[in-house]
Amino acid sequence: MSLPGLDSWVVRSPEPVAAEVGDGLVMLSVEEGKYFSLNPTAAAIWRRLESPMRIGELCDQIVEEFDISREHAVEAVPEFVAKLIEQNIAAVPPMQPSSGERTGDR
């Protein structure tokens, strides 16, 4: 499994049906025939991927929200995103936003 770089953009697929459960999230991918249960950190990543977002920016936001080290985030977030891509529930958008464009802000 190839890990996306911090400058890579990623966006979630609209296909999985998702529901909040406690602090986490459960998803069902009818296309893939799979069920996923996400812990609070993974659920926060999933929510942020509604719009295309750079992996590095995603790491920064997770560090801020969950009080984890940047080193841990830059290791764990790309690994999780790669798993989402592998399961066809997230993808690198075909047209990457320009490097100066910020799409993940709320």
C-alpha atoms as a PDB file:
ATOM      1  CA  MET A   1       0.000   0.000   0.000  1.00  0.00           C
ATOM      2  CA  SER A   2       1.424   3.334  -1.109  1.00  0.00           C
ATOM      3  CA  LEU A   3       1.030   6.202   1.347  1.00  0.00           C
ATOM      4  CA  PRO A   4      -0.148   9.582   0.078  1.00  0.00           C
ATOM      5  CA  GLY A   5       2.262  12.450   0.688  1.00  0.00           C
ATOM      6  CA  LEU A   6       1.473  15.470   2.856  1.00  0.00           C
ATOM      7  CA  ASP A   7       0.913  17.573  -0.284  1.00  0.00           C
ATOM      8  CA  SER A   8      -1.553  15.051  -1.744  1.00  0.00           C
ATOM      9  CA  TRP A   9      -5.216  15.979  -1.892  1.00  0.00           C
ATOM     10  CA  VAL A  10      -7.922  13.514  -0.910  1.00  0.00           C
ATOM     11  CA  VAL A  11     -11.719  13.514  -0.780  1.00  0.00           C
ATOM     12  CA  ARG A  12     -14.180  10.965   0.519  1.00  0.00           C
ATOM     13  CA  SER A  13     -16.543   9.021  -1.682  1.00  0.00           C
ATOM     14  CA  PRO A  14     -20.219   9.960  -1.499  1.00  0.00           C
ATOM     15  CA  GLU A  15     -21.230   6.284  -1.598  1.00  0.00           C
ATOM     16  CA  PRO A  16     -20.895   4.969   1.954  1.00  0.00           C
ATOM     17  CA  VAL A  17     -23.920   5.533   4.145  1.00  0.00           C
ATOM     18  CA  ALA A  18     -22.683   6.905   7.483  1.00  0.00           C
ATOM     19  CA  ALA A  19     -24.250   7.384  10.910  1.00  0.00           C
ATOM     20  CA  GLU A  20     -22.918   8.881  14.131  1.00  0.00           C
ATOM     21  CA  VAL A  21     -22.667   6.345  16.971  1.00  0.00           C
ATOM     22  CA  GLY A  22     -21.469   7.758  20.277  1.00  0.00           C
ATOM     23  CA  ASP A  23     -18.162   9.510  19.606  1.00  0.00           C
ATOM     24  CA  GLY A  24     -17.519   7.504  16.459  1.00  0.00           C
ATOM     25  CA  LEU A  25     -19.102   6.722  13.140  1.00  0.00           C
ATOM     26  CA  VAL A  26     -20.322   3.608  11.357  1.00  0.00           C
ATOM     27  CA  MET A  27     -20.427   3.326   7.591  1.00  0.00           C
ATOM     28  CA  LEU A  28     -21.837   0.848   5.122  1.00  0.00           C
ATOM     29  CA  SER A  29     -20.444   0.632   1.619  1.00  0.00           C
ATOM     30  CA  VAL A  30     -23.064  -1.100  -0.481  1.00  0.00           C
ATOM     31  CA  GLU A  31     -20.761  -1.064  -3.533  1.00  0.00           C
ATOM     32  CA  GLU A  32     -17.934  -2.757  -1.629  1.00  0.00           C
ATOM     33  CA  GLY A  33     -20.235  -4.888   0.551  1.00  0.00           C
ATOM     34  CA  LYS A  34     -18.372  -3.760   3.674  1.00  0.00           C
ATOM     35  CA  TYR A  35     -19.178  -2.243   7.044  1.00  0.00           C
ATOM     36  CA  PHE A  36     -16.769   0.129   8.789  1.00  0.00           C
ATOM     37  CA  SER A  37     -16.657   1.351  12.376  1.00  0.00           C
ATOM     38  CA  LEU A  38     -14.579   4.480  12.975  1.00  0.00           C
ATOM     39  CA  ASN A  39     -13.206   5.677  16.307  1.00  0.00           C
ATOM     40  CA  PRO A  40     -13.479   9.408  17.153  1.00  0.00           C
ATOM     41  CA  THR A  41     -10.197  10.338  15.451  1.00  0.00           C
ATOM     42  CA  ALA A  42     -10.981   8.395  12.279  1.00  0.00           C
ATOM     43  CA  ALA A  43     -14.512   9.849  12.276  1.00  0.00           C
ATOM     44  CA  ALA A  44     -13.061  13.381  12.511  1.00  0.00           C
ATOM     45  CA  ILE A  45     -10.824  12.644   9.507  1.00  0.00           C
ATOM     46  CA  TRP A  46     -13.802  11.276   7.542  1.00  0.00           C
ATOM     47  CA  ARG A  47     -15.922  14.344   8.290  1.00  0.00           C
ATOM     48  CA  ARG A  48     -13.156  16.685   7.108  1.00  0.00           C
ATOM     49  CA  LEU A  49     -12.833  14.842   3.800  1.00  0.00           C
ATOM     50  CA  GLU A  50     -16.287  15.958   2.654  1.00  0.00           C
ATOM     51  CA  SER A  51     -14.387  18.515   0.550  1.00  0.00           C
ATOM     52  CA  PRO A  52     -10.964  17.895  -1.004  1.00  0.00           C
ATOM     53  CA  MET A  53      -8.228  18.527   1.534  1.00  0.00           C
ATOM     54  CA  ARG A  54      -4.450  18.329   1.573  1.00  0.00           C
ATOM     55  CA  ILE A  55      -3.124  15.548   3.833  1.00  0.00           C
ATOM     56  CA  GLY A  56      -0.740  17.982   5.575  1.00  0.00           C
ATOM     57  CA  GLU A  57      -3.595  20.336   6.442  1.00  0.00           C
ATOM     58  CA  LEU A  58      -5.635  17.386   7.661  1.00  0.00           C
ATOM     59  CA  CYS A  59      -2.730  16.377   9.945  1.00  0.00           C
ATOM     60  CA  ASP A  60      -2.539  19.932  11.338  1.00  0.00           C
ATOM     61  CA  GLN A  61      -6.239  19.929  12.185  1.00  0.00           C
ATOM     62  CA  ILE A  62      -6.089  16.507  13.847  1.00  0.00           C
ATOM     63  CA  VAL A  63      -3.077  17.594  15.946  1.00  0.00           C
ATOM     64  CA  GLU A  64      -5.030  20.636  17.089  1.00  0.00           C
ATOM     65  CA  GLU A  65      -8.262  18.777  17.890  1.00  0.00           C
ATOM     66  CA  PHE A  66      -6.849  15.650  19.527  1.00  0.00           C
ATOM     67  CA  ASP A  67      -3.725  16.954  21.251  1.00  0.00           C
ATOM     68  CA  ILE A  68      -1.384  14.481  19.564  1.00  0.00           C
ATOM     69  CA  SER A  69       2.125  15.142  18.297  1.00  0.00           C
ATOM     70  CA  ARG A  70       2.685  16.289  14.731  1.00  0.00           C
ATOM     71  CA  GLU A  71       5.072  13.343  14.282  1.00  0.00           C
ATOM     72  CA  HIS A  72       2.330  10.883  15.221  1.00  0.00           C
ATOM     73  CA  ALA A  73      -0.196  12.608  12.946  1.00  0.00           C
ATOM     74  CA  VAL A  74       2.071  12.619   9.871  1.00  0.00           C
ATOM     75  CA  GLU A  75       2.562   8.882  10.359  1.00  0.00           C
ATOM     76  CA  ALA A  76      -0.989   7.830  11.259  1.00  0.00           C
ATOM     77  CA  VAL A  77      -3.150  10.100   9.076  1.00  0.00           C
ATOM     78  CA  PRO A  78      -1.595   9.117   5.697  1.00  0.00           C
ATOM     79  CA  GLU A  79      -1.806   5.435   6.729  1.00  0.00           C
ATOM     80  CA  PHE A  80      -5.517   5.784   7.518  1.00  0.00           C
ATOM     81  CA  VAL A  81      -6.195   7.755   4.326  1.00  0.00           C
ATOM     82  CA  ALA A  82      -4.384   5.069   2.297  1.00  0.00           C
ATOM     83  CA  LYS A  83      -6.723   2.462   3.822  1.00  0.00           C
ATOM     84  CA  LEU A  84      -9.750   4.570   2.853  1.00  0.00           C
ATOM     85  CA  ILE A  85      -8.424   4.818  -0.704  1.00  0.00           C
ATOM     86  CA  GLU A  86      -7.696   1.083  -0.781  1.00  0.00           C
ATOM     87  CA  GLN A  87     -11.312   0.378   0.256  1.00  0.00           C
ATOM     88  CA  ASN A  88     -12.597   2.732  -2.493  1.00  0.00           C
ATOM     89  CA  ILE A  89     -14.303   5.032   0.010  1.00  0.00           C
ATOM     90  CA  ALA A  90     -11.903   7.941  -0.561  1.00  0.00           C
ATOM     91  CA  ALA A  91      -9.860   9.028  -3.558  1.00  0.00           C
ATOM     92  CA  VAL A  92      -7.348  11.504  -4.847  1.00  0.00           C
ATOM     93  CA  PRO A  93      -9.505  14.007  -6.767  1.00  0.00           C
ATOM     94  CA  PRO A  94      -8.937  13.960 -10.534  1.00  0.00           C
ATOM     95  CA  MET A  95      -8.332  17.719 -10.561  1.00  0.00           C
ATOM     96  CA  GLN A  96      -6.153  18.866  -7.680  1.00  0.00           C
ATOM     97  CA  PRO A  97      -6.992  22.290  -6.225  1.00  0.00           C
ATOM     98  CA  SER A  98      -4.163  24.806  -6.639  1.00  0.00           C
ATOM     99  CA  SER A  99      -1.568  24.750  -3.875  1.00  0.00           C
ATOM    100  CA  GLY A 100      -2.685  28.173  -2.618  1.00  0.00           C
ATOM    101  CA  GLU A 101      -6.345  27.195  -2.385  1.00  0.00           C
ATOM    102  CA  ARG A 102      -7.673  26.164   1.023  1.00  0.00           C
ATOM    103  CA  THR A 103     -10.750  23.972   0.718  1.00  0.00           C
ATOM    104  CA  GLY A 104     -10.966  22.261   4.094  1.00  0.00           C
ATOM    105  CA  ASP A 105     -11.651  25.351   6.245  1.00  0.00           C
ATOM    106  CA  ARG A 106     -14.959  25.720   8.011  1.00  0.00           C
END
